[in-house]
Amino acid sequence: MERRKNIVKLILSNLFLRLISICNINQYKSNQIDNYIAIHPSILRNIVLRRSPWI
């Protein structure tokens, strides 16, 4: 029983860590996209904004 609890804890903490890392990756990606949009001209900005599903 104790062993099973430990396994469940391990799985939960693993999932939690994975979730955090996914959030960090998404944050990084959106920062990259913002930088890309900021650097490029407004025509390109409009295309990127129109085609991106996450905005």
Protein backbone atom coordinates (compact mmCIF):
# COMPACT_ATOMS: atom_id res chain seq x y z
CA MET A 1 0.00 0.00 0.00
CA GLU A 2 2.78 2.42 0.94
CA ARG A 3 4.58 1.52 -2.23
CA ARG A 4 1.52 2.28 -4.32
CA LYS A 5 1.19 5.70 -2.68
CA ASN A 6 4.80 6.46 -3.54
CA ILE A 7 4.26 5.45 -7.15
CA VAL A 8 1.18 7.67 -7.40
CA LYS A 9 3.12 10.58 -5.88
CA LEU A 10 5.92 10.02 -8.35
CA ILE A 11 3.55 9.98 -11.32
CA LEU A 12 1.75 13.12 -10.12
CA SER A 13 4.94 15.07 -9.55
CA ASN A 14 6.19 13.93 -12.95
CA LEU A 15 3.02 15.18 -14.65
CA PHE A 16 3.23 18.45 -12.74
CA LEU A 17 6.83 19.01 -13.85
CA ARG A 18 5.92 18.19 -17.43
CA LEU A 19 3.05 20.68 -17.29
CA ILE A 20 5.37 23.40 -16.00
CA SER A 21 7.89 22.72 -18.75
CA ILE A 22 5.16 22.81 -21.41
CA CYS A 23 4.04 26.21 -20.09
CA ASN A 24 7.63 27.46 -20.20
CA ILE A 25 8.04 26.25 -23.78
CA ASN A 26 4.82 27.99 -24.82
CA GLN A 27 5.94 31.19 -23.11
CA TYR A 28 9.25 30.98 -24.98
CA LYS A 29 7.50 30.36 -28.30
CA SER A 30 5.15 33.31 -27.87
CA ASN A 31 8.11 35.53 -26.98
CA GLN A 32 9.89 34.40 -30.14
CA ILE A 33 6.78 35.15 -32.19
CA ASP A 34 6.45 38.60 -30.60
CA ASN A 35 10.08 39.35 -31.42
CA TYR A 36 9.57 38.13 -34.98
CA ILE A 37 6.49 40.30 -35.43
CA ALA A 38 8.25 43.33 -33.91
CA ILE A 39 11.23 43.00 -36.25
CA HIS A 40 9.32 42.49 -39.50
CA PRO A 41 7.19 45.02 -41.40
CA SER A 42 3.48 45.48 -40.83
CA ILE A 43 2.44 43.51 -43.93
CA LEU A 44 4.12 40.43 -42.52
CA ARG A 45 2.69 41.19 -39.09
CA ASN A 46 -0.83 41.12 -40.51
CA ILE A 47 -0.20 37.79 -42.24
CA VAL A 48 1.24 36.24 -39.08
CA LEU A 49 -1.62 37.52 -36.92
CA ARG A 50 -4.25 36.33 -39.38
CA ARG A 51 -2.81 32.84 -39.73
CA SER A 52 -1.94 32.13 -36.10
CA PRO A 53 -4.58 30.16 -34.18
CA TRP A 54 -3.16 30.98 -30.72
CA ILE A 55 -4.02 34.69 -30.87
